């Protein structure tokens, strides 16, 4: 019985030394990766899954705690619900569009890093700038029913119809928002180079419709 307990304790100690042993660290951190963005309601009513990039740098207070400044660019494509009312009103079946998200944040990261694998929690806040980009300039006429899609593209409505005489192309909306998520790392080559896979939730109360999405990022960290 005692020998069994000893073997279990030995296994735990050896495993911990491989997985959770703390490695030396540099004061400066950096990362870059590619991502897939999955919009959530209400964003997903007008924008579908897209792609983007994220990168940044920061300061490591110690092996566990770090400050990370990050820039994210994410291209999202318009859904049929966002396009159909405009296609019908403009008599233009080939009308298309997209939305682009620019995000600049400051984040806190808590990390547990072993010799090979690691995991971390990350969260922060910053500026979220969302644009809508129709494939051509839109000029509104009279008597167009006001569907929510018109507001998504930046148009205003009055008494149930789209306000006539508006001329809009690309338009943007700023908002202060936040994010939070979890990531996992694996050493590639010499430490501190690591591959990371991260999932993060983003929220910002942009005009008319809030921006809400989950991003999955794969990249390289230092």
Protein backbone atom coordinates (compact mmCIF):
# COMPACT_ATOMS: atom_id res chain seq x y z
CA UNK A 1 0.00 0.00 0.00
CA UNK A 2 2.78 2.42 0.99
CA UNK A 3 4.74 1.54 -2.17
CA UNK A 4 1.68 2.35 -4.30
CA UNK A 5 1.31 5.76 -2.66
CA UNK A 6 5.02 6.40 -3.18
CA UNK A 7 4.78 5.55 -6.87
CA UNK A 8 1.78 7.91 -7.28
CA UNK A 9 3.61 10.74 -5.50
CA UNK A 10 6.71 10.15 -7.62
CA UNK A 11 4.61 10.28 -10.80
CA UNK A 12 2.96 13.56 -9.71
CA UNK A 13 6.32 15.15 -8.88
CA UNK A 14 7.90 14.09 -12.17
CA UNK A 15 4.86 15.22 -14.20
CA UNK A 16 4.78 18.56 -12.44
CA UNK A 17 8.44 19.14 -13.13
CA UNK A 18 7.80 18.58 -16.85
CA UNK A 19 4.51 20.42 -17.28
CA UNK A 20 4.42 23.14 -14.61
CA UNK A 21 8.05 23.95 -13.90
CA UNK A 22 8.53 27.69 -14.21
CA UNK A 23 10.89 28.77 -16.97
CA UNK A 24 13.06 31.91 -17.14
CA UNK A 25 11.30 34.84 -18.80
CA UNK A 26 12.14 38.09 -20.61
CA UNK A 27 10.74 41.45 -19.55
CA UNK A 28 9.28 42.14 -23.00
CA UNK A 29 6.57 40.02 -24.65
CA UNK A 30 5.25 40.08 -28.21
CA UNK A 31 2.91 38.05 -30.40
CA UNK A 32 1.36 37.84 -33.85
CA UNK A 33 -1.33 35.53 -35.19
CA UNK A 34 -4.13 34.96 -37.65
CA UNK A 35 -7.72 34.64 -36.48
CA UNK A 36 -11.24 33.62 -37.39
CA UNK A 37 -14.08 35.79 -36.08
CA UNK A 38 -17.49 34.32 -35.24
CA UNK A 39 -20.12 37.06 -34.72
CA UNK A 40 -22.74 36.62 -32.00
CA UNK A 41 -26.20 38.19 -31.76
CA UNK A 42 -26.98 40.89 -32.76
CA UNK A 43 -23.85 41.22 -34.91
CA UNK A 44 -24.43 37.86 -36.60
CA UNK A 45 -27.73 39.10 -38.07
CA UNK A 46 -25.75 41.34 -40.42
CA UNK A 47 -22.17 39.99 -40.49
CA UNK A 48 -20.98 36.43 -41.00
CA UNK A 49 -17.77 34.59 -40.12
CA UNK A 50 -14.63 36.40 -41.21
CA UNK A 51 -10.88 36.43 -40.81
CA UNK A 52 -8.19 38.76 -39.53
CA UNK A 53 -4.87 39.28 -37.80
CA UNK A 54 -3.81 40.26 -34.30
CA UNK A 55 -0.49 41.37 -32.90
CA UNK A 56 1.01 43.25 -30.03
CA UNK A 57 3.65 43.64 -27.36
CA UNK A 58 3.87 44.32 -23.67
CA UNK A 59 5.71 43.99 -20.38
CA UNK A 60 6.15 40.92 -18.16
CA UNK A 61 6.04 41.83 -14.47
CA UNK A 62 7.10 38.27 -13.67
CA UNK A 63 6.58 34.75 -15.03
CA UNK A 64 2.84 34.83 -14.25
CA UNK A 65 1.69 38.42 -14.71
CA UNK A 66 1.94 40.57 -17.83
CA UNK A 67 0.55 43.64 -19.52
CA UNK A 68 -0.19 43.22 -23.25
CA UNK A 69 -1.08 45.95 -25.75
CA UNK A 70 -2.75 44.57 -28.86
CA UNK A 71 -4.11 45.63 -32.25
CA UNK A 72 -6.69 43.45 -34.02
CA UNK A 73 -8.04 43.74 -37.56
CA UNK A 74 -11.04 41.60 -38.50
CA UNK A 75 -12.90 41.45 -41.84
CA UNK A 76 -16.53 40.26 -41.63
CA UNK A 77 -18.79 39.62 -44.62
CA UNK A 78 -22.38 40.79 -44.96
CA UNK A 79 -25.19 38.27 -44.50
CA UNK A 80 -28.18 37.86 -46.81
CA UNK A 81 -30.34 39.59 -44.19
CA UNK A 82 -28.10 42.66 -44.37
CA UNK A 83 -28.07 42.70 -48.17
CA UNK A 84 -31.57 41.70 -49.27
CA UNK A 85 -33.53 44.89 -48.40
CA UNK A 86 -30.92 47.06 -50.13
CA UNK A 87 -30.72 44.80 -53.18
CA UNK A 88 -34.48 44.98 -53.52
CA UNK A 89 -34.71 48.77 -53.09
CA UNK A 90 -31.78 49.43 -55.43
CA UNK A 91 -32.84 46.79 -57.97
CA UNK A 92 -29.26 45.56 -57.82
CA UNK A 93 -28.93 41.79 -57.24
CA UNK A 94 -25.13 42.02 -57.32
CA UNK A 95 -24.97 44.55 -54.45
CA UNK A 96 -22.59 43.32 -51.77
CA UNK A 97 -20.72 44.57 -48.74
CA UNK A 98 -18.58 43.86 -45.72
CA UNK A 99 -17.76 45.12 -42.26
CA UNK A 100 -14.30 45.74 -40.82
CA UNK A 101 -13.37 45.85 -37.16
CA UNK A 102 -10.31 47.72 -35.85
CA UNK A 103 -9.50 47.12 -32.19
CA UNK A 104 -6.83 48.65 -29.97
CA UNK A 105 -6.72 47.29 -26.40
CA UNK A 106 -4.67 47.06 -23.25
CA UNK A 107 -4.90 43.66 -21.53
CA UNK A 108 -3.82 41.84 -18.38
CA UNK A 109 -2.57 38.26 -18.78
CA UNK A 110 -2.18 35.64 -16.04
CA UNK A 111 -0.12 32.68 -17.21
CA UNK A 112 1.12 29.33 -15.99
CA UNK A 113 4.01 28.20 -18.17
CA UNK A 114 5.79 24.86 -18.13
CA UNK A 115 8.81 23.65 -20.05
CA UNK A 116 6.59 22.44 -22.90
CA UNK A 117 2.97 23.46 -22.35
CA UNK A 118 1.26 26.42 -20.75
CA UNK A 119 -2.09 28.11 -20.27
CA UNK A 120 -3.26 31.63 -19.59
CA UNK A 121 -6.24 33.89 -18.97
CA UNK A 122 -6.40 37.29 -20.65
CA UNK A 123 -8.77 40.24 -20.54
CA UNK A 124 -8.85 43.96 -21.08
CA UNK A 125 -10.50 46.95 -22.70
CA UNK A 126 -9.98 49.52 -25.40
CA UNK A 127 -11.30 51.19 -28.53
CA UNK A 128 -13.48 49.28 -31.02
CA UNK A 129 -13.97 50.95 -34.41
CA UNK A 130 -16.43 49.19 -36.74
CA UNK A 131 -17.01 50.17 -40.35
CA UNK A 132 -19.65 49.09 -42.86
CA UNK A 133 -18.48 49.06 -46.46
CA UNK A 134 -21.09 48.65 -49.22
CA UNK A 135 -19.83 47.68 -52.65
CA UNK A 136 -21.12 50.97 -54.09
CA UNK A 137 -22.51 54.33 -53.04
CA UNK A 138 -26.16 54.15 -51.92
CA UNK A 139 -28.63 57.02 -52.49
CA UNK A 140 -32.05 56.52 -50.90
CA UNK A 141 -35.34 57.42 -52.55
CA UNK A 142 -38.77 57.80 -50.98
CA UNK A 143 -41.16 55.19 -49.61
CA UNK A 144 -38.58 52.54 -48.70
CA UNK A 145 -39.73 50.39 -45.72
CA UNK A 146 -37.25 50.67 -42.83
CA UNK A 147 -35.77 47.23 -42.19
CA UNK A 148 -33.05 46.91 -39.50
CA UNK A 149 -30.50 46.31 -42.26
CA UNK A 150 -30.76 49.95 -43.29
CA UNK A 151 -29.67 51.03 -39.81
CA UNK A 152 -26.76 48.56 -39.94
CA UNK A 153 -25.44 50.32 -43.06
CA UNK A 154 -25.77 53.69 -41.33
CA UNK A 155 -29.07 55.03 -42.66
CA UNK A 156 -31.71 56.72 -40.54
CA UNK A 157 -35.45 56.10 -40.62
CA UNK A 158 -38.54 58.16 -39.87
CA UNK A 159 -42.15 57.04 -39.46
CA UNK A 160 -41.34 53.51 -40.60
CA UNK A 161 -39.55 54.46 -43.82
CA UNK A 162 -35.94 55.18 -44.74
CA UNK A 163 -35.26 58.93 -44.75
CA UNK A 164 -35.01 59.89 -48.44
CA UNK A 165 -32.09 61.73 -49.97
CA UNK A 166 -29.37 60.04 -47.91
CA UNK A 167 -26.11 59.26 -49.72
CA UNK A 168 -23.79 56.87 -47.92
CA UNK A 169 -20.80 54.71 -48.69
CA UNK A 170 -18.42 53.52 -46.00
CA UNK A 171 -19.32 54.66 -42.49
CA UNK A 172 -17.80 53.96 -39.07
CA UNK A 173 -18.74 53.80 -35.40
CA UNK A 174 -16.46 54.14 -32.34
CA UNK A 175 -17.12 52.53 -28.97
CA UNK A 176 -15.21 51.64 -25.82
CA UNK A 177 -15.42 47.87 -25.25
CA UNK A 178 -13.87 44.91 -23.50
CA UNK A 179 -12.72 41.35 -24.02
CA UNK A 180 -11.78 38.22 -22.12
CA UNK A 181 -10.57 34.74 -22.97
CA UNK A 182 -8.29 31.78 -22.49
CA UNK A 183 -5.26 30.49 -24.36
CA UNK A 184 -2.89 27.56 -24.52
CA UNK A 185 0.78 27.51 -25.51
CA UNK A 186 3.35 24.96 -26.64
CA UNK A 187 7.08 25.55 -26.94
CA UNK A 188 8.50 25.56 -30.47
CA UNK A 189 12.27 25.54 -30.69
CA UNK A 190 14.14 27.38 -27.97
CA UNK A 191 12.21 29.05 -25.16
CA UNK A 192 10.64 31.64 -24.98
CA UNK A 193 9.28 31.02 -28.52
CA UNK A 194 5.84 29.44 -28.27
CA UNK A 195 2.89 28.66 -30.48
CA UNK A 196 -0.43 29.73 -29.00
CA UNK A 197 -4.11 28.98 -29.58
CA UNK A 198 -6.54 31.43 -28.04
CA UNK A 199 -10.28 31.99 -27.76
CA UNK A 200 -11.56 35.42 -26.79
CA UNK A 201 -14.95 37.11 -26.43
CA UNK A 202 -15.29 40.75 -27.55
CA UNK A 203 -18.06 43.24 -26.75
CA UNK A 204 -18.50 46.90 -27.69
CA UNK A 205 -21.72 48.99 -27.66
CA UNK A 206 -21.34 50.45 -31.15
CA UNK A 207 -24.11 52.66 -32.53
CA UNK A 208 -27.46 50.95 -33.33
CA UNK A 209 -26.09 47.40 -32.93
CA UNK A 210 -23.49 46.21 -30.44
CA UNK A 211 -20.40 44.40 -31.66
CA UNK A 212 -20.20 40.91 -30.17
CA UNK A 213 -17.99 38.12 -31.44
CA UNK A 214 -15.69 35.27 -30.49
CA UNK A 215 -12.26 35.07 -32.08
CA UNK A 216 -10.07 31.98 -32.40
CA UNK A 217 -6.43 32.94 -32.93
CA UNK A 218 -3.39 30.81 -33.81
CA UNK A 219 0.03 32.40 -33.76
CA UNK A 220 3.54 32.73 -32.39
CA UNK A 221 4.51 34.32 -29.08
CA UNK A 222 7.76 35.49 -27.59
